[in-house]
C-alpha atoms as a PDB file:
ATOM      1  CA  MET A   1       0.000   0.000   0.000  1.00  0.00           C
ATOM      2  CA  ARG A   2       1.134   3.533  -0.804  1.00  0.00           C
ATOM      3  CA  ILE A   3       0.154   6.554   1.312  1.00  0.00           C
ATOM      4  CA  ALA A   4       0.585  10.071  -0.056  1.00  0.00           C
ATOM      5  CA  ARG A   5       0.035  13.603   1.120  1.00  0.00           C
ATOM      6  CA  PHE A   6      -1.028  16.096  -1.514  1.00  0.00           C
ATOM      7  CA  THR A   7      -2.808  19.329  -2.241  1.00  0.00           C
ATOM      8  CA  HIS A   8      -5.722  19.785  -4.600  1.00  0.00           C
ATOM      9  CA  ASN A   9      -6.179  23.448  -5.386  1.00  0.00           C
ATOM     10  CA  ASP A  10      -4.023  24.250  -2.321  1.00  0.00           C
ATOM     11  CA  VAL A  11      -6.054  22.121   0.119  1.00  0.00           C
ATOM     12  CA  PRO A  12      -3.792  19.490   1.798  1.00  0.00           C
ATOM     13  CA  GLN A  13      -5.127  15.939   2.109  1.00  0.00           C
ATOM     14  CA  TYR A  14      -3.957  12.352   2.514  1.00  0.00           C
ATOM     15  CA  ALA A  15      -4.619   9.617  -0.003  1.00  0.00           C
ATOM     16  CA  PHE A  16      -3.997   6.018  -0.902  1.00  0.00           C
ATOM     17  CA  VAL A  17      -2.152   5.727  -4.210  1.00  0.00           C
ATOM     18  CA  GLN A  18      -3.676   3.108  -6.487  1.00  0.00           C
ATOM     19  CA  THR A  19      -2.807   1.998  -9.998  1.00  0.00           C
ATOM     20  CA  ASP A  20      -5.821   1.762 -12.296  1.00  0.00           C
ATOM     21  CA  LYS A  21      -5.810  -1.626 -14.029  1.00  0.00           C
ATOM     22  CA  ASN A  22      -7.517  -0.174 -17.099  1.00  0.00           C
ATOM     23  CA  ASP A  23      -5.126   2.653 -18.002  1.00  0.00           C
ATOM     24  CA  GLY A  24      -2.093   1.725 -15.866  1.00  0.00           C
ATOM     25  CA  LYS A  25      -1.938   5.211 -14.322  1.00  0.00           C
ATOM     26  CA  ASP A  26      -1.560   6.127 -10.634  1.00  0.00           C
ATOM     27  CA  TYR A  27      -4.469   7.829  -8.873  1.00  0.00           C
ATOM     28  CA  LEU A  28      -4.853   9.500  -5.490  1.00  0.00           C
ATOM     29  CA  VAL A  29      -7.833   8.124  -3.569  1.00  0.00           C
ATOM     30  CA  ALA A  30      -8.540  10.956  -1.134  1.00  0.00           C
ATOM     31  CA  LEU A  31      -9.018  10.120   2.565  1.00  0.00           C
ATOM     32  CA  ASN A  32     -11.101  11.831   5.206  1.00  0.00           C
ATOM     33  CA  GLY A  33      -8.479  11.837   7.959  1.00  0.00           C
ATOM     34  CA  TYR A  34      -4.882  11.348   9.034  1.00  0.00           C
ATOM     35  CA  PRO A  35      -3.674   7.767   8.521  1.00  0.00           C
ATOM     36  CA  LEU A  36      -1.123   8.006  11.351  1.00  0.00           C
ATOM     37  CA  SER A  37      -3.647   9.085  13.994  1.00  0.00           C
ATOM     38  CA  GLY A  38      -4.543   5.528  14.988  1.00  0.00           C
ATOM     39  CA  GLN A  39      -8.156   6.112  13.965  1.00  0.00           C
ATOM     40  CA  ALA A  40      -9.798   4.584  10.935  1.00  0.00           C
ATOM     41  CA  VAL A  41      -9.819   6.624   7.733  1.00  0.00           C
ATOM     42  CA  GLU A  42     -12.138   6.171   4.791  1.00  0.00           C
ATOM     43  CA  PRO A  43     -12.088   7.283   1.154  1.00  0.00           C
ATOM     44  CA  THR A  44     -14.026  10.476   0.488  1.00  0.00           C
ATOM     45  CA  GLY A  45     -15.134   9.252  -2.936  1.00  0.00           C
ATOM     46  CA  GLU A  46     -12.819  11.688  -4.715  1.00  0.00           C
ATOM     47  CA  ARG A  47     -10.055  10.399  -6.980  1.00  0.00           C
ATOM     48  CA  TYR A  48      -7.402  12.402  -8.798  1.00  0.00           C
ATOM     49  CA  PRO A  49      -4.630  11.496 -11.255  1.00  0.00           C
ATOM     50  CA  VAL A  50      -1.246  11.896  -9.581  1.00  0.00           C
ATOM     51  CA  ASP A  51      -0.210  14.181 -12.449  1.00  0.00           C
ATOM     52  CA  GLY A  52      -3.595  15.891 -12.709  1.00  0.00           C
ATOM     53  CA  ASP A  53      -4.250  19.638 -12.913  1.00  0.00           C
ATOM     54  CA  GLY A  54      -4.139  21.344  -9.526  1.00  0.00           C
ATOM     55  CA  ILE A  55      -2.464  18.303  -7.903  1.00  0.00           C
ATOM     56  CA  ARG A  56       0.848  18.614  -6.077  1.00  0.00           C
ATOM     57  CA  LEU A  57       2.496  15.889  -4.021  1.00  0.00           C
ATOM     58  CA  LEU A  58       3.805  17.011  -0.632  1.00  0.00           C
ATOM     59  CA  ALA A  59       6.252  15.398   1.771  1.00  0.00           C
ATOM     60  CA  PRO A  60       4.296  12.308   2.875  1.00  0.00           C
ATOM     61  CA  VAL A  61       4.718  13.251   6.554  1.00  0.00           C
ATOM     62  CA  ILE A  62       5.770  16.253   8.600  1.00  0.00           C
ATOM     63  CA  PRO A  63       7.781  14.510  11.319  1.00  0.00           C
ATOM     64  CA  SER A  64       8.286  15.983  14.762  1.00  0.00           C
ATOM     65  CA  LYS A  65      11.942  15.014  14.278  1.00  0.00           C
ATOM     66  CA  VAL A  66      14.257  13.283  11.844  1.00  0.00           C
ATOM     67  CA  TYR A  67      17.211  11.153  12.929  1.00  0.00           C
ATOM     68  CA  GLY A  68      20.016  10.011  10.682  1.00  0.00           C
ATOM     69  CA  LEU A  69      22.977   7.676  10.862  1.00  0.00           C
ATOM     70  CA  ALA A  70      26.361   8.793   9.566  1.00  0.00           C
ATOM     71  CA  LYS A  71      28.854   6.399   7.943  1.00  0.00           C
ATOM     72  CA  ASN A  72      26.477   3.465   8.296  1.00  0.00           C
ATOM     73  CA  TYR A  73      27.941   1.780   5.216  1.00  0.00           C
ATOM     74  CA  GLU A  74      31.595   0.779   4.925  1.00  0.00           C
ATOM     75  CA  ALA A  75      31.735   2.069   1.331  1.00  0.00           C
ATOM     76  CA  HIS A  76      30.577   5.550   2.379  1.00  0.00           C
ATOM     77  CA  ALA A  77      33.001   5.656   5.298  1.00  0.00           C
ATOM     78  CA  ARG A  78      35.862   4.815   2.919  1.00  0.00           C
ATOM     79  CA  PHE A  79      34.671   7.416   0.412  1.00  0.00           C
ATOM     80  CA  MET A  80      34.555  10.138   3.073  1.00  0.00           C
ATOM     81  CA  HIS A  81      38.099   9.290   4.160  1.00  0.00           C
ATOM     82  CA  GLU A  82      39.491   9.146   0.630  1.00  0.00           C
ATOM     83  CA  ALA A  83      37.797  12.450  -0.244  1.00  0.00           C
ATOM     84  CA  GLY A  84      39.461  14.123   2.732  1.00  0.00           C
ATOM     85  CA  HIS A  85      36.249  14.674   4.684  1.00  0.00           C
ATOM     86  CA  SER A  86      37.050  12.257   7.531  1.00  0.00           C
ATOM     87  CA  ASP A  87      40.084  11.024   9.447  1.00  0.00           C
ATOM     88  CA  ILE A  88      38.362   7.661   9.999  1.00  0.00           C
ATOM     89  CA  LYS A  89      39.222   5.031   7.380  1.00  0.00           C
ATOM     90  CA  HIS A  90      36.381   2.644   8.193  1.00  0.00           C
ATOM     91  CA  ALA A  91      32.822   2.728   9.460  1.00  0.00           C
ATOM     92  CA  PRO A  92      32.774   3.411  13.219  1.00  0.00           C
ATOM     93  CA  GLU A  93      31.835   0.541  15.509  1.00  0.00           C
ATOM     94  CA  ASP A  94      29.253   2.625  17.382  1.00  0.00           C
ATOM     95  CA  MET A  95      26.328   4.404  15.725  1.00  0.00           C
ATOM     96  CA  VAL A  96      26.876   8.065  14.851  1.00  0.00           C
ATOM     97  CA  ILE A  97      23.414   9.624  15.204  1.00  0.00           C
ATOM     98  CA  PHE A  98      22.422  13.157  14.213  1.00  0.00           C
ATOM     99  CA  THR A  99      19.139  14.994  13.789  1.00  0.00           C
ATOM    100  CA  LYS A 100      17.375  17.314  11.370  1.00  0.00           C
ATOM    101  CA  PRO A 101      14.523  19.655  12.369  1.00  0.00           C
ATOM    102  CA  SER A 102      11.041  19.363  10.902  1.00  0.00           C
ATOM    103  CA  THR A 103      11.618  22.684   9.107  1.00  0.00           C
ATOM    104  CA  SER A 104      14.227  20.979   6.905  1.00  0.00           C
ATOM    105  CA  VAL A 105      11.581  18.715   5.336  1.00  0.00           C
ATOM    106  CA  ILE A 106      10.359  19.359   1.791  1.00  0.00           C
ATOM    107  CA  GLY A 107       8.464  17.240  -0.698  1.00  0.00           C
ATOM    108  CA  PRO A 108       8.799  16.031  -4.278  1.00  0.00           C
ATOM    109  CA  ASP A 109       9.652  18.748  -6.826  1.00  0.00           C
ATOM    110  CA  ASP A 110      10.234  21.338  -4.080  1.00  0.00           C
ATOM    111  CA  PRO A 111      13.481  23.287  -4.589  1.00  0.00           C
ATOM    112  CA  ILE A 112      16.573  22.465  -2.552  1.00  0.00           C
ATOM    113  CA  VAL A 113      17.958  25.873  -1.617  1.00  0.00           C
ATOM    114  CA  ILE A 114      21.697  26.391  -1.167  1.00  0.00           C
ATOM    115  CA  PRO A 115      22.056  28.862   1.721  1.00  0.00           C
ATOM    116  CA  PRO A 116      24.427  31.810   1.304  1.00  0.00           C
ATOM    117  CA  CYS A 117      26.782  30.378   3.968  1.00  0.00           C
ATOM    118  CA  SER A 118      27.806  27.369   1.829  1.00  0.00           C
ATOM    119  CA  ASN A 119      29.560  26.645  -1.457  1.00  0.00           C
ATOM    120  CA  ASP A 120      29.612  22.838  -1.287  1.00  0.00           C
ATOM    121  CA  MET A 121      26.216  21.149  -1.132  1.00  0.00           C
ATOM    122  CA  ASN A 122      26.204  17.343  -1.449  1.00  0.00           C
ATOM    123  CA  PHE A 123      23.515  14.760  -2.198  1.00  0.00           C
ATOM    124  CA  GLU A 124      23.111  11.580  -0.117  1.00  0.00           C
ATOM    125  CA  PRO A 125      20.382   9.169  -1.368  1.00  0.00           C
ATOM    126  CA  GLU A 126      18.905   6.937   1.319  1.00  0.00           C
ATOM    127  CA  LEU A 127      16.032   4.729   2.450  1.00  0.00           C
ATOM    128  CA  ALA A 128      13.960   6.417   5.157  1.00  0.00           C
ATOM    129  CA  VAL A 129      11.904   4.679   7.859  1.00  0.00           C
ATOM    130  CA  VAL A 130       8.550   6.197   8.834  1.00  0.00           C
ATOM    131  CA  MET A 131       7.333   5.287  12.301  1.00  0.00           C
ATOM    132  CA  GLY A 132       3.717   4.257  12.797  1.00  0.00           C
ATOM    133  CA  ARG A 133       3.472   4.003  16.593  1.00  0.00           C
ATOM    134  CA  ILE A 134       4.849   5.714  19.678  1.00  0.00           C
ATOM    135  CA  ALA A 135       8.140   3.986  20.380  1.00  0.00           C
ATOM    136  CA  LYS A 136      10.285   4.109  23.511  1.00  0.00           C
ATOM    137  CA  ASN A 137      12.855   1.534  24.711  1.00  0.00           C
ATOM    138  CA  VAL A 138      11.904  -0.819  21.894  1.00  0.00           C
ATOM    139  CA  PRO A 139      13.714  -4.185  21.780  1.00  0.00           C
ATOM    140  CA  VAL A 140      15.425  -5.084  18.521  1.00  0.00           C
ATOM    141  CA  GLU A 141      13.182  -8.136  18.146  1.00  0.00           C
ATOM    142  CA  GLN A 142      10.026  -5.977  18.190  1.00  0.00           C
ATOM    143  CA  ALA A 143      11.342  -2.909  16.372  1.00  0.00           C
ATOM    144  CA  MET A 144       9.701  -3.500  12.990  1.00  0.00           C
ATOM    145  CA  ASP A 145       6.272  -3.721  14.637  1.00  0.00           C
ATOM    146  CA  TYR A 146       6.534   0.045  15.174  1.00  0.00           C
ATOM    147  CA  VAL A 147       7.245   0.878  11.524  1.00  0.00           C
ATOM    148  CA  LEU A 148       4.502   2.177   9.234  1.00  0.00           C
ATOM    149  CA  GLY A 149       6.594   2.034   6.087  1.00  0.00           C
ATOM    150  CA  PHE A 150       9.382   3.542   4.039  1.00  0.00           C
ATOM    151  CA  THR A 151      10.062   6.428   1.688  1.00  0.00           C
ATOM    152  CA  CYS A 152      12.948   7.997  -0.221  1.00  0.00           C
ATOM    153  CA  VAL A 153      15.101  10.690   1.350  1.00  0.00           C
ATOM    154  CA  ASN A 154      17.958  12.885   0.186  1.00  0.00           C
ATOM    155  CA  ASP A 155      20.123  13.672   3.210  1.00  0.00           C
ATOM    156  CA  VAL A 156      21.373  16.924   1.678  1.00  0.00           C
ATOM    157  CA  THR A 157      24.555  18.082   3.416  1.00  0.00           C
ATOM    158  CA  LEU A 158      26.645  21.240   3.317  1.00  0.00           C
ATOM    159  CA  ARG A 159      29.991  19.504   3.192  1.00  0.00           C
ATOM    160  CA  ASP A 160      32.093  22.633   3.725  1.00  0.00           C
ATOM    161  CA  LEU A 161      30.204  23.473   6.933  1.00  0.00           C
ATOM    162  CA  GLN A 162      30.180  19.890   8.154  1.00  0.00           C
ATOM    163  CA  GLY A 163      33.928  20.110   8.677  1.00  0.00           C
ATOM    164  CA  LEU A 164      33.586  23.359  10.623  1.00  0.00           C
ATOM    165  CA  ASP A 165      30.674  22.518  12.955  1.00  0.00           C
ATOM    166  CA  PRO A 166      31.170  19.491  15.255  1.00  0.00           C
ATOM    167  CA  THR A 167      27.418  19.174  15.804  1.00  0.00           C
ATOM    168  CA  TRP A 168      26.542  19.419  12.056  1.00  0.00           C
ATOM    169  CA  THR A 169      23.644  21.734  12.954  1.00  0.00           C
ATOM    170  CA  ARG A 170      24.043  23.981   9.922  1.00  0.00           C
ATOM    171  CA  ALA A 171      25.396  21.275   7.613  1.00  0.00           C
ATOM    172  CA  LYS A 172      22.437  18.930   8.098  1.00  0.00           C
ATOM    173  CA  GLY A 173      19.636  21.102   9.482  1.00  0.00           C
ATOM    174  CA  PHE A 174      19.197  24.033   7.108  1.00  0.00           C
ATOM    175  CA  ASP A 175      15.839  24.685   5.443  1.00  0.00           C
ATOM    176  CA  THR A 176      15.186  22.243   2.539  1.00  0.00           C
ATOM    177  CA  ALA A 177      17.902  19.814   3.784  1.00  0.00           C
ATOM    178  CA  CYS A 178      15.499  16.855   3.981  1.00  0.00           C
ATOM    179  CA  PRO A 179      13.534  16.073   0.805  1.00  0.00           C
ATOM    180  CA  LEU A 180      11.101  13.189   1.451  1.00  0.00           C
ATOM    181  CA  GLY A 181       8.786  11.299  -0.884  1.00  0.00           C
ATOM    182  CA  PRO A 182       7.126  10.668  -3.164  1.00  0.00           C
ATOM    183  CA  TRP A 183       4.936   8.617  -0.794  1.00  0.00           C
ATOM    184  CA  ILE A 184       5.129   6.028   1.983  1.00  0.00           C
ATOM    185  CA  VAL A 185       5.109   2.365   0.993  1.00  0.00           C
ATOM    186  CA  THR A 186       3.920   0.236   3.872  1.00  0.00           C
ATOM    187  CA  ARG A 187       6.336  -2.066   5.673  1.00  0.00           C
ATOM    188  CA  ASP A 188       5.372  -5.417   4.180  1.00  0.00           C
ATOM    189  CA  ASP A 189       5.572  -4.115   0.606  1.00  0.00           C
ATOM    190  CA  VAL A 190       9.279  -3.191   0.768  1.00  0.00           C
ATOM    191  CA  ASP A 191      12.220  -5.578   0.980  1.00  0.00           C
ATOM    192  CA  TRP A 192      13.857  -3.390   3.608  1.00  0.00           C
ATOM    193  CA  LYS A 193      16.636  -5.917   4.214  1.00  0.00           C
ATOM    194  CA  ASP A 194      17.828  -5.561   0.607  1.00  0.00           C
ATOM    195  CA  ALA A 195      16.351  -2.346  -0.792  1.00  0.00           C
ATOM    196  CA  LYS A 196      18.251  -1.092  -3.851  1.00  0.00           C
ATOM    197  CA  ILE A 197      19.137   2.616  -3.732  1.00  0.00           C
ATOM    198  CA  SER A 198      20.292   4.652  -6.744  1.00  0.00           C
ATOM    199  CA  PHE A 199      20.736   8.266  -7.767  1.00  0.00           C
ATOM    200  CA  THR A 200      20.353  10.256 -10.966  1.00  0.00           C
ATOM    201  CA  LEU A 201      21.892  13.684 -11.537  1.00  0.00           C
ATOM    202  CA  ASN A 202      20.691  15.670 -14.551  1.00  0.00           C
ATOM    203  CA  ASP A 203      19.315  12.536 -16.257  1.00  0.00           C
ATOM    204  CA  GLU A 204      22.562  10.597 -15.783  1.00  0.00           C
ATOM    205  CA  ASP A 205      22.915   7.665 -13.400  1.00  0.00           C
ATOM    206  CA  VAL A 206      25.580   8.047 -10.706  1.00  0.00           C
ATOM    207  CA  PRO A 207      26.717   4.441 -10.150  1.00  0.00           C
ATOM    208  CA  MET A 208      29.058   5.324  -7.284  1.00  0.00           C
ATOM    209  CA  ALA A 209      26.079   6.617  -5.275  1.00  0.00           C
ATOM    210  CA  SER A 210      24.131   3.364  -5.517  1.00  0.00           C
ATOM    211  CA  GLY A 211      23.917   0.469  -3.070  1.00  0.00           C
ATOM    212  CA  THR A 212      21.634  -1.744  -1.035  1.00  0.00           C
ATOM    213  CA  THR A 213      20.465  -1.850   2.564  1.00  0.00           C
ATOM    214  CA  ALA A 214      21.872  -5.377   2.695  1.00  0.00           C
ATOM    215  CA  ASN A 215      25.209  -3.638   3.362  1.00  0.00           C
ATOM    216  CA  LEU A 216      24.065  -1.552   6.331  1.00  0.00           C
ATOM    217  CA  ILE A 217      26.498  -1.689   9.252  1.00  0.00           C
ATOM    218  CA  HIS A 218      23.665  -1.209  11.754  1.00  0.00           C
ATOM    219  CA  GLY A 219      20.384  -2.681  10.525  1.00  0.00           C
ATOM    220  CA  ILE A 220      17.032  -0.940  10.738  1.00  0.00           C
ATOM    221  CA  PRO A 221      15.759  -2.813  13.841  1.00  0.00           C
ATOM    222  CA  GLU A 222      19.034  -1.996  15.619  1.00  0.00           C
ATOM    223  CA  GLN A 223      18.699   1.668  14.644  1.00  0.00           C
ATOM    224  CA  ILE A 224      15.167   1.861  16.057  1.00  0.00           C
ATOM    225  CA  ALA A 225      16.235   0.165  19.292  1.00  0.00           C
ATOM    226  CA  ALA A 226      19.226   2.468  19.741  1.00  0.00           C
ATOM    227  CA  ILE A 227      17.328   5.699  19.027  1.00  0.00           C
ATOM    228  CA  THR A 228      14.353   4.797  21.232  1.00  0.00           C
ATOM    229  CA  SER A 229      16.739   4.033  24.084  1.00  0.00           C
ATOM    230  CA  PHE A 230      17.269   7.776  24.538  1.00  0.00           C
ATOM    231  CA  THR A 231      14.247   9.437  22.919  1.00  0.00           C
ATOM    232  CA  THR A 232      10.600   8.791  22.131  1.00  0.00           C
ATOM    233  CA  LEU A 233       9.700   8.404  18.481  1.00  0.00           C
ATOM    234  CA  LEU A 234       6.198   9.511  17.480  1.00  0.00           C
ATOM    235  CA  PRO A 235       4.039   8.393  14.566  1.00  0.00           C
ATOM    236  CA  GLY A 236       5.392  10.091  11.461  1.00  0.00           C
ATOM    237  CA  ASP A 237       8.930  10.496  12.787  1.00  0.00           C
ATOM    238  CA  VAL A 238      11.636   9.567  10.302  1.00  0.00           C
ATOM    239  CA  ILE A 239      14.936   7.685  10.482  1.00  0.00           C
ATOM    240  CA  MET A 240      17.403   8.159   7.621  1.00  0.00           C
ATOM    241  CA  THR A 241      19.253   4.858   7.504  1.00  0.00           C
ATOM    242  CA  GLY A 242      22.476   6.019   5.810  1.00  0.00           C
ATOM    243  CA  THR A 243      23.803   6.663   2.314  1.00  0.00           C
ATOM    244  CA  PRO A 244      25.309   3.534   0.743  1.00  0.00           C
ATOM    245  CA  ASN A 245      28.326   4.823  -1.144  1.00  0.00           C
ATOM    246  CA  ALA A 246      29.766   8.032  -2.560  1.00  0.00           C
ATOM    247  CA  SER A 247      28.041  11.392  -2.292  1.00  0.00           C
ATOM    248  CA  GLY A 248      28.588  14.288  -4.680  1.00  0.00           C
ATOM    249  CA  HIS A 249      28.386  18.009  -5.334  1.00  0.00           C
ATOM    250  CA  LEU A 250      25.185  19.843  -6.288  1.00  0.00           C
ATOM    251  CA  ASP A 251      25.052  23.104  -8.249  1.00  0.00           C
ATOM    252  CA  PRO A 252      22.190  25.517  -8.926  1.00  0.00           C
ATOM    253  CA  GLY A 253      19.995  24.131 -11.692  1.00  0.00           C
ATOM    254  CA  ASP A 254      20.858  20.492 -10.966  1.00  0.00           C
ATOM    255  CA  GLU A 255      18.058  17.935 -11.011  1.00  0.00           C
ATOM    256  CA  ALA A 256      18.542  15.366  -8.240  1.00  0.00           C
ATOM    257  CA  ILE A 257      16.526  12.125  -8.232  1.00  0.00           C
ATOM    258  CA  VAL A 258      16.702   9.521  -5.459  1.00  0.00           C
ATOM    259  CA  HIS A 259      15.333   6.110  -6.440  1.00  0.00           C
ATOM    260  CA  VAL A 260      14.562   3.289  -4.007  1.00  0.00           C
ATOM    261  CA  GLU A 261      13.355  -0.053  -5.305  1.00  0.00           C
ATOM    262  CA  CYS A 262       9.661  -0.761  -4.558  1.00  0.00           C
ATOM    263  CA  ILE A 263       9.090   2.890  -3.620  1.00  0.00           C
ATOM    264  CA  GLY A 264       9.794   5.174  -6.584  1.00  0.00           C
ATOM    265  CA  ASP A 265      11.525   8.429  -7.433  1.00  0.00           C
ATOM    266  CA  LEU A 266      12.064  11.551  -5.346  1.00  0.00           C
ATOM    267  CA  ARG A 267      12.889  14.499  -7.617  1.00  0.00           C
ATOM    268  CA  ASN A 268      14.131  17.953  -6.603  1.00  0.00           C
ATOM    269  CA  VAL A 269      15.910  20.810  -8.360  1.00  0.00           C
ATOM    270  CA  VAL A 270      18.665  22.870  -6.743  1.00  0.00           C
ATOM    271  CA  VAL A 271      18.535  26.673  -6.533  1.00  0.00           C
ATOM    272  CA  ARG A 272      20.773  29.283  -4.933  1.00  0.00           C
ATOM    273  CA  GLY A 273      19.269  31.108  -1.963  1.00  0.00           C
END
């Protein structure tokens, strides 16, 4: 099942995304409530083409907080060291956890804005976890029971500021730093243990940015258990699981597309602020 958030003539709503068997196109089946509230939602009877007039997909959730894991793939840790961005040659044994504010979240086709304080913005394509239940002190064995589903995320990073700020507050938390979308695919419809991640820049594949969650250093259940050991995750909160390989520079005018198998494409264009 796919869950989307969209506007029709500037009115935000949630919807199930369904493929019509007759024409093969995706449609938004509008809902009368918030699917993450724990209460039942029902279709309103309205249906819109995903690419219809007056339709705009939004970030599928507005999380209260976003957590991410740094250097959670050996290939990315090696890349960061070889590129001169890290003194560590290999992925760290312990999780390196950081956060992004809710104000960093944008949706599909929203512009990624390079702030005036930076001259080196980087893309980082990843699989994102969307929580479906309140989670605190969750055991690894039960962690996936708390997951609603998954979406694509671009963990956009200001690489020049990341080296200056030990907390990465500016590098990871600026406005538009967390594109999410295009929708949530529910847990059982994604092979989260081996989800293929790829990236396209200006219509060209970037093979060095691709990978699979099968190579995660710390798996998704372990991430949930570790994060909920010190904080409470709420429905709609997001965990960025890590970028699998090399990242790269973004310039104004660039079109960045994150693709995750079984989910789809998250497209954004870069502009200078």
